[in-house]
Amino acid sequence: MVTRCVCFGQRFTALKKIARKNGARTFEELQRYVEFGHNCQRCRPYVNKMLATGETVFEVMKPDQAAEWEKPG
């Protein structure tokens, strides 16, 4: 299961709280408030899906699934 940004150790549950508190609706907006997603960016599709759905725990995405969620907002 995928539950965090590995490079920065930020759990999606924490990112979700920060997003809600600050009204961040995109990956880039959320990065204004917390350090994550600047290295490998493998968390991008998961964070985008989290922001869209509220989910914070994910099955590992296949490349085609990840590609759908890598797109901004």
PDB file of N, CA and C in Angstrom:
ATOM      1  N   MET A   1       0.843  -1.179   0.000  1.00  0.00           N
ATOM      2  CA  MET A   1       0.000   0.000   0.000  1.00  0.00           C
ATOM      3  C   MET A   1       0.893   1.248   0.000  1.00  0.00           C
ATOM      4  N   VAL A   2       0.427   2.281  -0.650  1.00  0.00           N
ATOM      5  CA  VAL A   2       1.150   3.539  -0.715  1.00  0.00           C
ATOM      6  C   VAL A   2       0.440   4.523   0.210  1.00  0.00           C
ATOM      7  N   THR A   3       1.194   5.051   1.191  1.00  0.00           N
ATOM      8  CA  THR A   3       0.591   5.918   2.205  1.00  0.00           C
ATOM      9  C   THR A   3       1.336   7.228   2.409  1.00  0.00           C
ATOM     10  N   ARG A   4       2.425   7.433   1.632  1.00  0.00           N
ATOM     11  CA  ARG A   4       3.224   8.641   1.868  1.00  0.00           C
ATOM     12  C   ARG A   4       4.132   8.967   0.686  1.00  0.00           C
ATOM     13  N   CYS A   5       4.635  10.191   0.724  1.00  0.00           N
ATOM     14  CA  CYS A   5       5.727  10.626  -0.152  1.00  0.00           C
ATOM     15  C   CYS A   5       6.992  10.032   0.446  1.00  0.00           C
ATOM     16  N   VAL A   6       7.625   9.128  -0.245  1.00  0.00           N
ATOM     17  CA  VAL A   6       8.778   8.421   0.296  1.00  0.00           C
ATOM     18  C   VAL A   6       9.976   9.351   0.492  1.00  0.00           C
ATOM     19  N   CYS A   7      10.262  10.209  -0.453  1.00  0.00           N
ATOM     20  CA  CYS A   7      11.452  11.064  -0.383  1.00  0.00           C
ATOM     21  C   CYS A   7      11.452  11.973   0.851  1.00  0.00           C
ATOM     22  N   PHE A   8      10.286  12.483   1.221  1.00  0.00           N
ATOM     23  CA  PHE A   8      10.197  13.421   2.332  1.00  0.00           C
ATOM     24  C   PHE A   8       9.492  12.838   3.554  1.00  0.00           C
ATOM     25  N   GLY A   9       9.008  11.600   3.436  1.00  0.00           N
ATOM     26  CA  GLY A   9       8.368  10.939   4.566  1.00  0.00           C
ATOM     27  C   GLY A   9       7.041  11.548   4.980  1.00  0.00           C
ATOM     28  N   GLN A  10       6.410  12.299   4.093  1.00  0.00           N
ATOM     29  CA  GLN A  10       5.142  12.949   4.418  1.00  0.00           C
ATOM     30  C   GLN A  10       3.981  11.981   4.152  1.00  0.00           C
ATOM     31  N   ARG A  11       3.253  11.670   5.194  1.00  0.00           N
ATOM     32  CA  ARG A  11       2.087  10.785   5.051  1.00  0.00           C
ATOM     33  C   ARG A  11       0.944  11.542   4.373  1.00  0.00           C
ATOM     34  N   PHE A  12       0.195  10.812   3.559  1.00  0.00           N
ATOM     35  CA  PHE A  12      -0.931  11.428   2.863  1.00  0.00           C
ATOM     36  C   PHE A  12      -1.988  11.930   3.843  1.00  0.00           C
ATOM     37  N   THR A  13      -2.130  11.273   4.988  1.00  0.00           N
ATOM     38  CA  THR A  13      -3.097  11.757   5.984  1.00  0.00           C
ATOM     39  C   THR A  13      -2.714  13.158   6.452  1.00  0.00           C
ATOM     40  N   ALA A  14      -1.420  13.388   6.660  1.00  0.00           N
ATOM     41  CA  ALA A  14      -0.955  14.717   7.083  1.00  0.00           C
ATOM     42  C   ALA A  14      -1.104  15.723   5.949  1.00  0.00           C
ATOM     43  N   LEU A  15      -0.777  15.308   4.741  1.00  0.00           N
ATOM     44  CA  LEU A  15      -0.919  16.210   3.584  1.00  0.00           C
ATOM     45  C   LEU A  15      -2.374  16.608   3.379  1.00  0.00           C
ATOM     46  N   LYS A  16      -3.265  15.670   3.584  1.00  0.00           N
ATOM     47  CA  LYS A  16      -4.703  15.955   3.427  1.00  0.00           C
ATOM     48  C   LYS A  16      -5.149  17.008   4.432  1.00  0.00           C
ATOM     49  N   LYS A  17      -4.711  16.889   5.679  1.00  0.00           N
ATOM     50  CA  LYS A  17      -5.067  17.879   6.707  1.00  0.00           C
ATOM     51  C   LYS A  17      -4.533  19.257   6.352  1.00  0.00           C
ATOM     52  N   ILE A  18      -3.303  19.310   5.883  1.00  0.00           N
ATOM     53  CA  ILE A  18      -2.698  20.588   5.506  1.00  0.00           C
ATOM     54  C   ILE A  18      -3.435  21.192   4.313  1.00  0.00           C
ATOM     55  N   ALA A  19      -3.797  20.355   3.352  1.00  0.00           N
ATOM     56  CA  ALA A  19      -4.535  20.830   2.181  1.00  0.00           C
ATOM     57  C   ALA A  19      -5.874  21.430   2.602  1.00  0.00           C
ATOM     58  N   ARG A  20      -6.582  20.740   3.464  1.00  0.00           N
ATOM     59  CA  ARG A  20      -7.889  21.235   3.922  1.00  0.00           C
ATOM     60  C   ARG A  20      -7.748  22.535   4.696  1.00  0.00           C
ATOM     61  N   LYS A  21      -6.782  22.583   5.593  1.00  0.00           N
ATOM     62  CA  LYS A  21      -6.557  23.773   6.426  1.00  0.00           C
ATOM     63  C   LYS A  21      -6.252  25.005   5.571  1.00  0.00           C
ATOM     64  N   ASN A  22      -5.508  24.808   4.484  1.00  0.00           N
ATOM     65  CA  ASN A  22      -5.048  25.932   3.674  1.00  0.00           C
ATOM     66  C   ASN A  22      -5.792  26.098   2.359  1.00  0.00           C
ATOM     67  N   GLY A  23      -6.761  25.246   2.099  1.00  0.00           N
ATOM     68  CA  GLY A  23      -7.542  25.344   0.871  1.00  0.00           C
ATOM     69  C   GLY A  23      -6.764  24.973  -0.383  1.00  0.00           C
ATOM     70  N   ALA A  24      -5.710  24.178  -0.234  1.00  0.00           N
ATOM     71  CA  ALA A  24      -4.906  23.752  -1.384  1.00  0.00           C
ATOM     72  C   ALA A  24      -5.678  22.713  -2.184  1.00  0.00           C
ATOM     73  N   ARG A  25      -5.779  22.947  -3.464  1.00  0.00           N
ATOM     74  CA  ARG A  25      -6.543  22.037  -4.317  1.00  0.00           C
ATOM     75  C   ARG A  25      -5.692  21.338  -5.364  1.00  0.00           C
ATOM     76  N   THR A  26      -4.433  21.746  -5.493  1.00  0.00           N
ATOM     77  CA  THR A  26      -3.547  21.112  -6.465  1.00  0.00           C
ATOM     78  C   THR A  26      -2.246  20.718  -5.779  1.00  0.00           C
ATOM     79  N   PHE A  27      -1.499  19.859  -6.444  1.00  0.00           N
ATOM     80  CA  PHE A  27      -0.194  19.407  -5.973  1.00  0.00           C
ATOM     81  C   PHE A  27       0.706  20.609  -5.690  1.00  0.00           C
ATOM     82  N   GLU A  28       0.757  21.533  -6.650  1.00  0.00           N
ATOM     83  CA  GLU A  28       1.623  22.702  -6.524  1.00  0.00           C
ATOM     84  C   GLU A  28       1.164  23.627  -5.404  1.00  0.00           C
ATOM     85  N   GLU A  29      -0.129  23.816  -5.249  1.00  0.00           N
ATOM     86  CA  GLU A  29      -0.637  24.643  -4.148  1.00  0.00           C
ATOM     87  C   GLU A  29      -0.255  24.028  -2.816  1.00  0.00           C
ATOM     88  N   LEU A  30      -0.377  22.725  -2.682  1.00  0.00           N
ATOM     89  CA  LEU A  30      -0.043  22.047  -1.436  1.00  0.00           C
ATOM     90  C   LEU A  30       1.442  22.175  -1.126  1.00  0.00           C
ATOM     91  N   GLN A  31       2.281  22.169  -2.153  1.00  0.00           N
ATOM     92  CA  GLN A  31       3.725  22.309  -1.945  1.00  0.00           C
ATOM     93  C   GLN A  31       4.090  23.673  -1.349  1.00  0.00           C
ATOM     94  N   ARG A  32       3.218  24.648  -1.455  1.00  0.00           N
ATOM     95  CA  ARG A  32       3.472  25.960  -0.842  1.00  0.00           C
ATOM     96  C   ARG A  32       3.450  25.881   0.681  1.00  0.00           C
ATOM     97  N   TYR A  33       2.775  24.874   1.216  1.00  0.00           N
ATOM     98  CA  TYR A  33       2.574  24.765   2.661  1.00  0.00           C
ATOM     99  C   TYR A  33       3.380  23.659   3.328  1.00  0.00           C
ATOM    100  N   VAL A  34       3.905  22.730   2.547  1.00  0.00           N
ATOM    101  CA  VAL A  34       4.630  21.594   3.126  1.00  0.00           C
ATOM    102  C   VAL A  34       5.631  21.044   2.113  1.00  0.00           C
ATOM    103  N   GLU A  35       6.761  20.584   2.601  1.00  0.00           N
ATOM    104  CA  GLU A  35       7.828  20.045   1.754  1.00  0.00           C
ATOM    105  C   GLU A  35       7.533  18.594   1.390  1.00  0.00           C
ATOM    106  N   PHE A  36       7.319  18.339   0.122  1.00  0.00           N
ATOM    107  CA  PHE A  36       7.116  16.987  -0.401  1.00  0.00           C
ATOM    108  C   PHE A  36       7.162  17.065  -1.918  1.00  0.00           C
ATOM    109  N   GLY A  37       7.379  15.910  -2.549  1.00  0.00           N
ATOM    110  CA  GLY A  37       7.226  15.792  -3.991  1.00  0.00           C
ATOM    111  C   GLY A  37       8.218  16.537  -4.852  1.00  0.00           C
ATOM    112  N   HIS A  38       9.350  16.935  -4.313  1.00  0.00           N
ATOM    113  CA  HIS A  38      10.323  17.678  -5.120  1.00  0.00           C
ATOM    114  C   HIS A  38      11.400  16.785  -5.732  1.00  0.00           C
ATOM    115  N   ASN A  39      11.544  15.566  -5.288  1.00  0.00           N
ATOM    116  CA  ASN A  39      12.608  14.685  -5.788  1.00  0.00           C
ATOM    117  C   ASN A  39      12.106  13.792  -6.912  1.00  0.00           C
ATOM    118  N   CYS A  40      11.707  12.589  -6.599  1.00  0.00           N
ATOM    119  CA  CYS A  40      11.341  11.619  -7.639  1.00  0.00           C
ATOM    120  C   CYS A  40       9.949  11.873  -8.228  1.00  0.00           C
ATOM    121  N   GLN A  41       9.105  12.538  -7.496  1.00  0.00           N
ATOM    122  CA  GLN A  41       7.720  12.858  -7.896  1.00  0.00           C
ATOM    123  C   GLN A  41       6.843  11.631  -8.119  1.00  0.00           C
ATOM    124  N   ARG A  42       7.248  10.501  -7.582  1.00  0.00           N
ATOM    125  CA  ARG A  42       6.405   9.304  -7.707  1.00  0.00           C
ATOM    126  C   ARG A  42       5.124   9.437  -6.904  1.00  0.00           C
ATOM    127  N   CYS A  43       5.095  10.356  -5.960  1.00  0.00           N
ATOM    128  CA  CYS A  43       3.885  10.562  -5.163  1.00  0.00           C
ATOM    129  C   CYS A  43       2.845  11.412  -5.892  1.00  0.00           C
ATOM    130  N   ARG A  44       3.243  12.079  -6.970  1.00  0.00           N
ATOM    131  CA  ARG A  44       2.337  13.005  -7.662  1.00  0.00           C
ATOM    132  C   ARG A  44       0.976  12.386  -7.991  1.00  0.00           C
ATOM    133  N   PRO A  45       0.907  11.225  -8.640  1.00  0.00           N
ATOM    134  CA  PRO A  45      -0.430  10.702  -8.953  1.00  0.00           C
ATOM    135  C   PRO A  45      -1.246  10.373  -7.703  1.00  0.00           C
ATOM    136  N   TYR A  46      -0.576   9.937  -6.647  1.00  0.00           N
ATOM    137  CA  TYR A  46      -1.284   9.598  -5.411  1.00  0.00           C
ATOM    138  C   TYR A  46      -1.792  10.857  -4.707  1.00  0.00           C
ATOM    139  N   VAL A  47      -0.987  11.885  -4.674  1.00  0.00           N
ATOM    140  CA  VAL A  47      -1.413  13.139  -4.046  1.00  0.00           C
ATOM    141  C   VAL A  47      -2.541  13.768  -4.861  1.00  0.00           C
ATOM    142  N   ASN A  48      -2.424  13.743  -6.177  1.00  0.00           N
ATOM    143  CA  ASN A  48      -3.510  14.276  -7.003  1.00  0.00           C
ATOM    144  C   ASN A  48      -4.809  13.516  -6.754  1.00  0.00           C
ATOM    145  N   LYS A  49      -4.710  12.197  -6.654  1.00  0.00           N
ATOM    146  CA  LYS A  49      -5.917  11.396  -6.379  1.00  0.00           C
ATOM    147  C   LYS A  49      -6.438  11.693  -4.981  1.00  0.00           C
ATOM    148  N   MET A  50      -5.538  11.867  -4.009  1.00  0.00           N
ATOM    149  CA  MET A  50      -5.943  12.210  -2.650  1.00  0.00           C
ATOM    150  C   MET A  50      -6.713  13.532  -2.639  1.00  0.00           C
ATOM    151  N   LEU A  51      -6.188  14.519  -3.348  1.00  0.00           N
ATOM    152  CA  LEU A  51      -6.843  15.824  -3.383  1.00  0.00           C
ATOM    153  C   LEU A  51      -8.219  15.745  -4.048  1.00  0.00           C
ATOM    154  N   ALA A  52      -8.363  14.879  -5.019  1.00  0.00           N
ATOM    155  CA  ALA A  52      -9.636  14.739  -5.741  1.00  0.00           C
ATOM    156  C   ALA A  52     -10.662  13.896  -4.995  1.00  0.00           C
ATOM    157  N   THR A  53     -10.190  12.865  -4.278  1.00  0.00           N
ATOM    158  CA  THR A  53     -11.121  11.898  -3.695  1.00  0.00           C
ATOM    159  C   THR A  53     -11.154  11.867  -2.172  1.00  0.00           C
ATOM    160  N   GLY A  54     -10.095  12.389  -1.541  1.00  0.00           N
ATOM    161  CA  GLY A  54     -10.002  12.315  -0.086  1.00  0.00           C
ATOM    162  C   GLY A  54      -9.371  11.034   0.415  1.00  0.00           C
ATOM    163  N   GLU A  55      -9.087  10.087  -0.466  1.00  0.00           N
ATOM    164  CA  GLU A  55      -8.436   8.840  -0.068  1.00  0.00           C
ATOM    165  C   GLU A  55      -6.999   9.123   0.365  1.00  0.00           C
ATOM    166  N   THR A  56      -6.476   8.313   1.292  1.00  0.00           N
ATOM    167  CA  THR A  56      -5.101   8.498   1.749  1.00  0.00           C
ATOM    168  C   THR A  56      -4.283   7.210   1.732  1.00  0.00           C
ATOM    169  N   VAL A  57      -4.882   6.112   1.346  1.00  0.00           N
ATOM    170  CA  VAL A  57      -4.193   4.825   1.238  1.00  0.00           C
ATOM    171  C   VAL A  57      -4.530   4.256  -0.137  1.00  0.00           C
ATOM    172  N   PHE A  58      -3.482   3.862  -0.859  1.00  0.00           N
ATOM    173  CA  PHE A  58      -3.671   3.448  -2.246  1.00  0.00           C
ATOM    174  C   PHE A  58      -2.957   2.146  -2.560  1.00  0.00           C
ATOM    175  N   GLU A  59      -3.548   1.373  -3.450  1.00  0.00           N
ATOM    176  CA  GLU A  59      -2.847   0.252  -4.071  1.00  0.00           C
ATOM    177  C   GLU A  59      -1.801   0.875  -4.989  1.00  0.00           C
ATOM    178  N   VAL A  60      -0.719   0.169  -5.235  1.00  0.00           N
ATOM    179  CA  VAL A  60       0.285   0.656  -6.167  1.00  0.00           C
ATOM    180  C   VAL A  60      -0.366   0.782  -7.542  1.00  0.00           C
ATOM    181  N   MET A  61      -0.216   1.961  -8.153  1.00  0.00           N
ATOM    182  CA  MET A  61      -0.823   2.201  -9.456  1.00  0.00           C
ATOM    183  C   MET A  61       0.035   1.608 -10.567  1.00  0.00           C
ATOM    184  N   LYS A  62      -0.641   1.063 -11.555  1.00  0.00           N
ATOM    185  CA  LYS A  62       0.038   0.632 -12.774  1.00  0.00           C
ATOM    186  C   LYS A  62       0.382   1.892 -13.568  1.00  0.00           C
ATOM    187  N   PRO A  63       1.354   1.816 -14.473  1.00  0.00           N
ATOM    188  CA  PRO A  63       1.765   3.015 -15.208  1.00  0.00           C
ATOM    189  C   PRO A  63       0.627   3.772 -15.892  1.00  0.00           C
ATOM    190  N   ASP A  64      -0.329   3.059 -16.490  1.00  0.00           N
ATOM    191  CA  ASP A  64      -1.433   3.749 -17.155  1.00  0.00           C
ATOM    192  C   ASP A  64      -2.353   4.440 -16.151  1.00  0.00           C
ATOM    193  N   GLN A  65      -2.537   3.847 -14.977  1.00  0.00           N
ATOM    194  CA  GLN A  65      -3.340   4.478 -13.929  1.00  0.00           C
ATOM    195  C   GLN A  65      -2.640   5.724 -13.415  1.00  0.00           C
ATOM    196  N   ALA A  66      -1.350   5.603 -13.152  1.00  0.00           N
ATOM    197  CA  ALA A  66      -0.570   6.731 -12.649  1.00  0.00           C
ATOM    198  C   ALA A  66      -0.581   7.878 -13.647  1.00  0.00           C
ATOM    199  N   ALA A  67      -0.481   7.565 -14.925  1.00  0.00           N
ATOM    200  CA  ALA A  67      -0.468   8.604 -15.961  1.00  0.00           C
ATOM    201  C   ALA A  67      -1.741   9.438 -15.919  1.00  0.00           C
ATOM    202  N   GLU A  68      -2.870   8.806 -15.639  1.00  0.00           N
ATOM    203  CA  GLU A  68      -4.137   9.540 -15.545  1.00  0.00           C
ATOM    204  C   GLU A  68      -4.123  10.541 -14.395  1.00  0.00           C
ATOM    205  N   TRP A  69      -3.481  10.210 -13.289  1.00  0.00           N
ATOM    206  CA  TRP A  69      -3.471  11.058 -12.103  1.00  0.00           C
ATOM    207  C   TRP A  69      -2.272  11.989 -12.041  1.00  0.00           C
ATOM    208  N   GLU A  70      -1.332  11.868 -12.966  1.00  0.00           N
ATOM    209  CA  GLU A  70      -0.170  12.760 -12.981  1.00  0.00           C
ATOM    210  C   GLU A  70      -0.528  14.123 -13.542  1.00  0.00           C
ATOM    211  N   LYS A  71      -1.611  14.191 -14.271  1.00  0.00           N
ATOM    212  CA  LYS A  71      -2.043  15.460 -14.863  1.00  0.00           C
ATOM    213  C   LYS A  71      -2.507  16.419 -13.770  1.00  0.00           C
ATOM    214  N   PRO A  72      -2.215  17.697 -13.911  1.00  0.00           N
ATOM    215  CA  PRO A  72      -2.683  18.679 -12.919  1.00  0.00           C
ATOM    216  C   PRO A  72      -4.197  18.707 -12.819  1.00  0.00           C
ATOM    217  N   GLY A  73      -4.661  18.966 -11.579  1.00  0.00           N
ATOM    218  CA  GLY A  73      -6.045  19.206 -11.233  1.00  0.00           C
ATOM    219  C   GLY A  73      -7.043  18.578 -12.083  1.00  0.00           C
TER     220      GLY A  73
END
